Amino acid sequence: MKKTIKILSLLLITVFAFTACSKDDDPTDNSLFVGKYEGTVRYSEGLSEIKSNTNGSVTVAKVGDTYNFNFSDAIPSLNGIKMKKGEGNVIILEDGAFGSISISASELSINYTKDGKTWFANCDR
């Protein structure tokens, strides 16, 4: 009997793990999320474009209401961006920062400027 319970438990854990990692997961509906979006990424400082790649990627990590965006191609990360649960769009007008970020289960769009540095992404998952 114990062996049967162990096997059923492992089966349930396996099923849960596969369904929890779905590309259909919308990050705005989850408190914990990690996903990779691929597409165009760009970074500039002032008027000089530093990095640009049409085959780049952004890995998104979310804990609670805080997002971290980790770019490929040695582009600096954007960390600590706040969005409330259920919100997929945010317009940022803070001290020294402005822009917009839009995220869904299938698309990521970033156009964010802070301290003369600009991050851009137009990616799909």
C-alpha atoms as a PDB file:
ATOM      1  CA  MET A   1       0.000   0.000   0.000  1.00  0.00           C
ATOM      2  CA  LYS A   2       2.817   2.434   0.847  1.00  0.00           C
ATOM      3  CA  LYS A   3       4.484   1.658  -2.452  1.00  0.00           C
ATOM      4  CA  THR A   4       1.269   2.439  -4.355  1.00  0.00           C
ATOM      5  CA  ILE A   5       0.891   5.774  -2.549  1.00  0.00           C
ATOM      6  CA  LYS A   6       4.503   6.683  -3.364  1.00  0.00           C
ATOM      7  CA  ILE A   7       4.009   5.851  -7.044  1.00  0.00           C
ATOM      8  CA  LEU A   8       0.780   7.867  -7.230  1.00  0.00           C
ATOM      9  CA  SER A   9       2.456  10.795  -5.451  1.00  0.00           C
ATOM     10  CA  LEU A  10       5.364  10.781  -7.905  1.00  0.00           C
ATOM     11  CA  LEU A  11       2.939  10.604 -10.817  1.00  0.00           C
ATOM     12  CA  LEU A  12       0.977  13.610  -9.515  1.00  0.00           C
ATOM     13  CA  ILE A  13       4.154  15.621  -8.937  1.00  0.00           C
ATOM     14  CA  THR A  14       5.338  14.838 -12.469  1.00  0.00           C
ATOM     15  CA  VAL A  15       2.014  15.890 -14.003  1.00  0.00           C
ATOM     16  CA  PHE A  16       2.029  19.100 -11.948  1.00  0.00           C
ATOM     17  CA  ALA A  17       5.604  19.931 -12.999  1.00  0.00           C
ATOM     18  CA  PHE A  18       4.813  19.558 -16.696  1.00  0.00           C
ATOM     19  CA  THR A  19       1.643  21.637 -16.544  1.00  0.00           C
ATOM     20  CA  ALA A  20       3.214  24.357 -14.375  1.00  0.00           C
ATOM     21  CA  CYS A  21       5.907  25.059 -16.973  1.00  0.00           C
ATOM     22  CA  SER A  22       3.516  25.767 -19.837  1.00  0.00           C
ATOM     23  CA  LYS A  23       4.205  28.484 -22.394  1.00  0.00           C
ATOM     24  CA  ASP A  24       0.542  29.428 -21.987  1.00  0.00           C
ATOM     25  CA  ASP A  25       1.182  30.722 -18.451  1.00  0.00           C
ATOM     26  CA  ASP A  26       0.455  34.422 -18.256  1.00  0.00           C
ATOM     27  CA  PRO A  27       3.027  36.067 -15.975  1.00  0.00           C
ATOM     28  CA  THR A  28       0.509  38.683 -14.862  1.00  0.00           C
ATOM     29  CA  ASP A  29      -1.667  35.983 -13.258  1.00  0.00           C
ATOM     30  CA  ASN A  30       1.133  34.238 -11.345  1.00  0.00           C
ATOM     31  CA  SER A  31       3.094  35.249  -8.249  1.00  0.00           C
ATOM     32  CA  LEU A  32       6.100  33.243  -9.417  1.00  0.00           C
ATOM     33  CA  PHE A  33       7.116  33.173 -13.074  1.00  0.00           C
ATOM     34  CA  VAL A  34      10.207  32.554 -15.187  1.00  0.00           C
ATOM     35  CA  GLY A  35       9.983  32.675 -18.974  1.00  0.00           C
ATOM     36  CA  LYS A  36      12.178  33.345 -21.993  1.00  0.00           C
ATOM     37  CA  TYR A  37      11.052  35.668 -24.790  1.00  0.00           C
ATOM     38  CA  GLU A  38      12.964  35.822 -28.097  1.00  0.00           C
ATOM     39  CA  GLY A  39      13.143  38.602 -30.673  1.00  0.00           C
ATOM     40  CA  THR A  40      14.686  42.036 -31.135  1.00  0.00           C
ATOM     41  CA  VAL A  41      16.627  43.563 -28.237  1.00  0.00           C
ATOM     42  CA  ARG A  42      18.478  46.870 -28.183  1.00  0.00           C
ATOM     43  CA  TYR A  43      20.386  48.974 -25.661  1.00  0.00           C
ATOM     44  CA  SER A  44      21.783  52.477 -26.000  1.00  0.00           C
ATOM     45  CA  GLU A  45      23.499  55.079 -23.871  1.00  0.00           C
ATOM     46  CA  GLY A  46      22.688  58.611 -24.901  1.00  0.00           C
ATOM     47  CA  LEU A  47      22.670  58.785 -28.695  1.00  0.00           C
ATOM     48  CA  SER A  48      25.054  55.827 -29.114  1.00  0.00           C
ATOM     49  CA  GLU A  49      23.582  52.390 -29.751  1.00  0.00           C
ATOM     50  CA  ILE A  50      25.697  49.960 -27.744  1.00  0.00           C
ATOM     51  CA  LYS A  51      24.041  46.591 -28.416  1.00  0.00           C
ATOM     52  CA  SER A  52      21.433  45.413 -30.904  1.00  0.00           C
ATOM     53  CA  ASN A  53      20.331  41.939 -31.972  1.00  0.00           C
ATOM     54  CA  THR A  54      17.289  40.787 -33.943  1.00  0.00           C
ATOM     55  CA  ASN A  55      17.814  37.257 -32.555  1.00  0.00           C
ATOM     56  CA  GLY A  56      18.204  38.238 -28.911  1.00  0.00           C
ATOM     57  CA  SER A  57      16.273  37.188 -25.860  1.00  0.00           C
ATOM     58  CA  VAL A  58      14.933  38.423 -22.549  1.00  0.00           C
ATOM     59  CA  THR A  59      14.489  36.106 -19.582  1.00  0.00           C
ATOM     60  CA  VAL A  60      11.743  37.362 -17.288  1.00  0.00           C
ATOM     61  CA  ALA A  61      11.715  36.436 -13.602  1.00  0.00           C
ATOM     62  CA  LYS A  62       8.795  37.521 -11.431  1.00  0.00           C
ATOM     63  CA  VAL A  63       8.378  37.193  -7.674  1.00  0.00           C
ATOM     64  CA  GLY A  64       5.243  38.791  -6.262  1.00  0.00           C
ATOM     65  CA  ASP A  65       4.793  42.148  -8.017  1.00  0.00           C
ATOM     66  CA  THR A  66       8.483  42.600  -8.890  1.00  0.00           C
ATOM     67  CA  TYR A  67       9.875  41.762 -12.326  1.00  0.00           C
ATOM     68  CA  ASN A  68      13.492  41.328 -13.401  1.00  0.00           C
ATOM     69  CA  PHE A  69      14.329  41.424 -17.112  1.00  0.00           C
ATOM     70  CA  ASN A  70      17.637  39.760 -18.034  1.00  0.00           C
ATOM     71  CA  PHE A  71      18.729  40.559 -21.591  1.00  0.00           C
ATOM     72  CA  SER A  72      21.032  38.541 -23.849  1.00  0.00           C
ATOM     73  CA  ASP A  73      24.079  39.996 -25.628  1.00  0.00           C
ATOM     74  CA  ALA A  74      25.650  41.543 -22.501  1.00  0.00           C
ATOM     75  CA  ILE A  75      22.848  44.115 -22.228  1.00  0.00           C
ATOM     76  CA  PRO A  76      22.447  45.227 -18.600  1.00  0.00           C
ATOM     77  CA  SER A  77      19.444  43.789 -16.779  1.00  0.00           C
ATOM     78  CA  LEU A  78      16.399  45.760 -15.692  1.00  0.00           C
ATOM     79  CA  ASN A  79      15.608  44.810 -12.109  1.00  0.00           C
ATOM     80  CA  GLY A  80      12.958  45.724  -9.583  1.00  0.00           C
ATOM     81  CA  ILE A  81      10.191  46.793 -11.980  1.00  0.00           C
ATOM     82  CA  LYS A  82       6.863  46.775 -10.089  1.00  0.00           C
ATOM     83  CA  MET A  83       3.571  45.693 -11.693  1.00  0.00           C
ATOM     84  CA  LYS A  84       0.497  44.704  -9.732  1.00  0.00           C
ATOM     85  CA  LYS A  85      -0.909  41.198 -10.176  1.00  0.00           C
ATOM     86  CA  GLY A  86      -3.195  41.063 -13.198  1.00  0.00           C
ATOM     87  CA  GLU A  87      -1.616  44.101 -14.876  1.00  0.00           C
ATOM     88  CA  GLY A  88       0.198  43.341 -18.115  1.00  0.00           C
ATOM     89  CA  ASN A  89       1.043  46.924 -18.989  1.00  0.00           C
ATOM     90  CA  VAL A  90       2.793  49.597 -17.040  1.00  0.00           C
ATOM     91  CA  ILE A  91       3.726  53.154 -17.911  1.00  0.00           C
ATOM     92  CA  ILE A  92       6.670  54.312 -15.856  1.00  0.00           C
ATOM     93  CA  LEU A  93       7.107  57.966 -14.935  1.00  0.00           C
ATOM     94  CA  GLU A  94       9.465  58.021 -11.984  1.00  0.00           C
ATOM     95  CA  ASP A  95      12.401  60.128 -10.913  1.00  0.00           C
ATOM     96  CA  GLY A  96      14.890  59.756 -13.778  1.00  0.00           C
ATOM     97  CA  ALA A  97      12.937  56.972 -15.540  1.00  0.00           C
ATOM     98  CA  PHE A  98      10.146  56.783 -18.101  1.00  0.00           C
ATOM     99  CA  GLY A  99       8.816  54.281 -20.584  1.00  0.00           C
ATOM    100  CA  SER A 100       6.413  51.413 -21.026  1.00  0.00           C
ATOM    101  CA  ILE A 101       6.512  47.663 -20.490  1.00  0.00           C
ATOM    102  CA  SER A 102       3.863  45.258 -21.761  1.00  0.00           C
ATOM    103  CA  ILE A 103       3.944  41.525 -21.012  1.00  0.00           C
ATOM    104  CA  SER A 104       1.601  38.626 -21.747  1.00  0.00           C
ATOM    105  CA  ALA A 105       1.872  34.860 -22.109  1.00  0.00           C
ATOM    106  CA  SER A 106       3.073  35.277 -25.702  1.00  0.00           C
ATOM    107  CA  GLU A 107       4.593  38.771 -26.080  1.00  0.00           C
ATOM    108  CA  LEU A 108       6.984  41.162 -24.357  1.00  0.00           C
ATOM    109  CA  SER A 109       7.468  44.800 -25.298  1.00  0.00           C
ATOM    110  CA  ILE A 110       9.897  47.101 -23.485  1.00  0.00           C
ATOM    111  CA  ASN A 111      10.739  50.731 -24.222  1.00  0.00           C
ATOM    112  CA  TYR A 112      12.344  52.056 -21.036  1.00  0.00           C
ATOM    113  CA  THR A 113      14.757  54.932 -20.404  1.00  0.00           C
ATOM    114  CA  LYS A 114      16.603  55.697 -17.179  1.00  0.00           C
ATOM    115  CA  ASP A 115      19.588  57.970 -16.578  1.00  0.00           C
ATOM    116  CA  GLY A 116      20.196  58.393 -20.327  1.00  0.00           C
ATOM    117  CA  LYS A 117      20.207  54.629 -20.968  1.00  0.00           C
ATOM    118  CA  THR A 118      17.492  53.010 -23.100  1.00  0.00           C
ATOM    119  CA  TRP A 119      16.351  49.373 -23.173  1.00  0.00           C
ATOM    120  CA  PHE A 120      14.165  48.088 -26.022  1.00  0.00           C
ATOM    121  CA  ALA A 121      12.645  44.666 -26.638  1.00  0.00           C
ATOM    122  CA  ASN A 122      10.038  43.331 -29.034  1.00  0.00           C
ATOM    123  CA  CYS A 123       9.895  39.598 -28.324  1.00  0.00           C
ATOM    124  CA  ASP A 124       7.638  36.536 -28.521  1.00  0.00           C
ATOM    125  CA  ARG A 125       7.513  33.335 -26.501  1.00  0.00           C
END
